[in-house]
Amino acid sequence: MISFKTFLQLSALLATGLAPVTSAQTTIHPPGGSATITVQLDGQLSPSGCLDVNGLWTKSGACATYGGNGQGVIDGPNGSCELDKVSNLHCIGAPGGTGTAWVGDYLNGNKSAMYLVANSGAATGPRGGPIFYTFAQPSGTSSAVLTGNGTVGASVKVYLSWIVKS
């Protein structure tokens, strides 16, 4: 869970043109480089899977490699990672043409980020994070769609992390 101070910083990002905001040892800015996006259950210390090539949560180990341009865009093997009009996450192009802008919480100058947030500070339209939701955890080879809003019945809460490949 992020602190209230960090939440306020995330909210201010849109107003500052996605410029880095620094607090103590935390910097909030768009992801860059090549990474895996891991999924962590709320209240758990270790990842519970990752995003596959379509931006769906999987526990099968079929983790995709994503690229961040350092300006808010995250691209996967099948296209840009965006939230659609109802804030569902997809990495298959531009569903709904939302132009999703991503930021993460970087600690101590690390290249990996915790608590990815989409469209931080947006007053309207699709947005999500640091908590994303789904109806059920995936099992076996199944996958789960993540949403940025607390849709009725979507009681599983997760966080997304940008884990840079070494």
Protein backbone atom coordinates (compact mmCIF):
# COMPACT_ATOMS: atom_id res chain seq x y z
CA MET A 1 0.00 0.00 0.00
CA ILE A 2 1.35 3.43 -0.85
CA SER A 3 1.38 6.28 1.58
CA PHE A 4 -1.01 9.20 1.27
CA LYS A 5 1.97 11.41 0.40
CA THR A 6 2.93 9.11 -2.49
CA PHE A 7 -0.69 9.05 -3.67
CA LEU A 8 -0.70 12.84 -3.81
CA GLN A 9 2.55 12.79 -5.77
CA LEU A 10 1.06 10.33 -8.27
CA SER A 11 -1.98 12.56 -8.66
CA ALA A 12 0.26 15.54 -9.36
CA LEU A 13 2.11 13.80 -12.20
CA LEU A 14 -0.35 14.68 -14.92
CA ALA A 15 -0.21 18.33 -13.94
CA THR A 16 3.60 18.27 -14.08
CA GLY A 17 3.80 16.66 -17.52
CA LEU A 18 5.03 13.33 -16.09
CA ALA A 19 8.18 14.97 -14.74
CA PRO A 20 9.87 13.01 -11.94
CA VAL A 21 8.59 13.74 -8.44
CA THR A 22 10.97 12.91 -5.60
CA SER A 23 10.18 12.18 -1.97
CA ALA A 24 12.95 10.96 0.34
CA GLN A 25 14.24 7.92 -1.55
CA THR A 26 11.23 7.46 -3.85
CA THR A 27 11.01 8.76 -7.41
CA ILE A 28 7.85 8.48 -9.50
CA HIS A 29 8.27 8.46 -13.28
CA PRO A 30 7.34 6.48 -16.41
CA PRO A 31 8.93 3.04 -16.88
CA GLY A 32 11.82 2.63 -19.29
CA GLY A 33 13.80 -0.24 -20.75
CA SER A 34 12.92 -3.92 -21.00
CA ALA A 35 11.05 -5.61 -18.17
CA THR A 36 8.60 -8.23 -16.96
CA ILE A 37 5.43 -6.98 -15.28
CA THR A 38 4.79 -9.03 -12.18
CA VAL A 39 1.48 -9.34 -10.33
CA GLN A 40 1.44 -9.32 -6.54
CA LEU A 41 -1.61 -10.11 -4.43
CA ASP A 42 -2.55 -7.45 -1.90
CA GLY A 43 -0.94 -8.38 1.42
CA GLN A 44 1.64 -10.77 -0.10
CA LEU A 45 5.39 -10.17 -0.24
CA SER A 46 6.24 -12.13 -3.38
CA PRO A 47 4.80 -12.10 -6.91
CA SER A 48 1.81 -14.30 -7.73
CA GLY A 49 2.42 -14.39 -11.46
CA CYS A 50 2.97 -11.95 -14.29
CA LEU A 51 1.38 -10.44 -17.38
CA ASP A 52 1.33 -12.56 -20.53
CA VAL A 53 1.65 -11.28 -24.12
CA ASN A 54 -1.93 -9.93 -24.04
CA GLY A 55 -1.60 -8.15 -20.68
CA LEU A 56 -3.53 -10.82 -18.79
CA TRP A 57 -2.49 -12.13 -15.36
CA THR A 58 -1.08 -15.64 -15.61
CA LYS A 59 0.50 -18.01 -13.11
CA SER A 60 1.67 -20.44 -15.81
CA GLY A 61 5.09 -18.82 -16.13
CA ALA A 62 4.35 -17.48 -19.63
CA CYS A 63 5.63 -14.01 -18.73
CA ALA A 64 6.01 -11.54 -21.57
CA THR A 65 8.79 -9.01 -22.00
CA TYR A 66 7.58 -5.41 -22.11
CA GLY A 67 9.30 -2.22 -23.18
CA GLY A 68 8.86 1.21 -21.68
CA ASN A 69 9.84 4.33 -23.58
CA GLY A 70 10.38 6.42 -20.45
CA GLN A 71 7.53 8.75 -21.49
CA GLY A 72 4.54 6.75 -20.25
CA VAL A 73 4.11 4.17 -23.02
CA ILE A 74 4.44 0.44 -22.30
CA ASP A 75 4.57 -1.89 -25.29
CA GLY A 76 4.25 -5.67 -25.23
CA PRO A 77 4.74 -8.33 -27.91
CA ASN A 78 1.16 -7.83 -29.14
CA GLY A 79 0.88 -4.06 -28.85
CA SER A 80 0.55 -1.11 -26.51
CA CYS A 81 -0.67 -1.70 -22.94
CA GLU A 82 -3.75 0.39 -22.40
CA LEU A 83 -6.88 0.60 -20.33
CA ASP A 84 -10.05 0.35 -22.38
CA LYS A 85 -13.11 2.55 -21.80
CA VAL A 86 -14.12 0.58 -18.68
CA SER A 87 -10.52 0.47 -17.34
CA ASN A 88 -9.75 -3.16 -18.29
CA LEU A 89 -6.06 -3.73 -19.04
CA HIS A 90 -5.13 -5.06 -22.50
CA CYS A 91 -1.78 -5.19 -24.29
CA ILE A 92 -3.11 -5.86 -27.77
CA GLY A 93 -3.00 -2.45 -29.41
CA ALA A 94 -5.25 0.47 -28.71
CA PRO A 95 -8.64 -0.78 -27.46
CA GLY A 96 -10.75 2.33 -27.17
CA GLY A 97 -7.80 4.53 -28.13
CA THR A 98 -7.27 5.74 -24.56
CA GLY A 99 -3.60 6.71 -24.85
CA THR A 100 -2.78 5.29 -21.42
CA ALA A 101 0.15 6.95 -19.60
CA TRP A 102 2.00 4.74 -17.07
CA VAL A 103 4.19 5.67 -14.08
CA GLY A 104 5.86 3.64 -11.34
CA ASP A 105 7.29 4.10 -7.85
CA TYR A 106 11.10 3.73 -7.96
CA LEU A 107 12.97 3.22 -4.70
CA ASN A 108 16.58 4.19 -4.06
CA GLY A 109 17.42 4.75 -7.72
CA ASN A 110 16.44 1.18 -8.64
CA LYS A 111 15.57 0.52 -12.30
CA SER A 112 12.62 -1.67 -11.30
CA ALA A 113 9.39 -0.04 -10.11
CA MET A 114 6.57 -1.01 -7.78
CA TYR A 115 2.96 0.13 -7.86
CA LEU A 116 2.41 0.85 -11.56
CA VAL A 117 -0.34 3.40 -12.10
CA ALA A 118 -2.21 4.17 -15.33
CA ASN A 119 -3.45 7.69 -16.13
CA SER A 120 -2.57 9.07 -12.71
CA GLY A 121 -4.48 12.18 -11.78
CA ALA A 122 -6.95 11.91 -14.67
CA ALA A 123 -10.26 13.44 -13.64
CA THR A 124 -12.24 11.41 -16.16
CA GLY A 125 -11.74 8.39 -18.38
CA PRO A 126 -10.03 5.07 -17.71
CA ARG A 127 -7.48 4.90 -14.92
CA GLY A 128 -6.09 2.35 -12.52
CA GLY A 129 -3.56 1.55 -9.87
CA PRO A 130 -1.81 1.25 -7.70
CA ILE A 131 -4.49 -1.36 -6.94
CA PHE A 132 -5.90 -3.37 -9.84
CA TYR A 133 -8.82 -5.80 -9.48
CA THR A 134 -10.08 -9.09 -10.90
CA PHE A 135 -12.87 -11.55 -10.16
CA ALA A 136 -10.66 -14.59 -9.51
CA GLN A 137 -7.02 -15.63 -9.55
CA PRO A 138 -5.88 -17.59 -12.60
CA SER A 139 -4.98 -21.24 -12.17
CA GLY A 140 -3.16 -23.71 -14.40
CA THR A 141 -3.01 -22.29 -17.91
CA SER A 142 -5.93 -19.88 -17.41
CA SER A 143 -5.49 -16.12 -17.24
CA ALA A 144 -7.38 -13.22 -15.69
CA VAL A 145 -8.28 -9.75 -16.96
CA LEU A 146 -7.23 -6.96 -14.60
CA THR A 147 -9.29 -3.81 -14.22
CA GLY A 148 -8.36 -0.45 -12.81
CA ASN A 149 -11.67 0.04 -11.08
CA GLY A 150 -13.36 -1.84 -8.27
CA THR A 151 -16.10 -3.39 -10.41
CA VAL A 152 -18.79 -5.01 -8.26
CA GLY A 153 -17.66 -8.55 -7.50
CA ALA A 154 -14.03 -7.98 -8.50
CA SER A 155 -12.71 -8.64 -5.01
CA VAL A 156 -9.16 -9.86 -5.78
CA LYS A 157 -6.75 -6.92 -5.35
CA VAL A 158 -3.29 -6.89 -6.93
CA TYR A 159 -0.36 -4.58 -7.59
CA LEU A 160 1.77 -4.47 -10.75
CA SER A 161 5.56 -4.13 -10.68
CA TRP A 162 8.02 -3.29 -13.48
CA ILE A 163 10.92 -5.75 -13.03
CA VAL A 164 13.85 -4.80 -15.28
CA LYS A 165 15.62 -7.70 -16.96
CA SER A 166 19.30 -7.93 -16.02
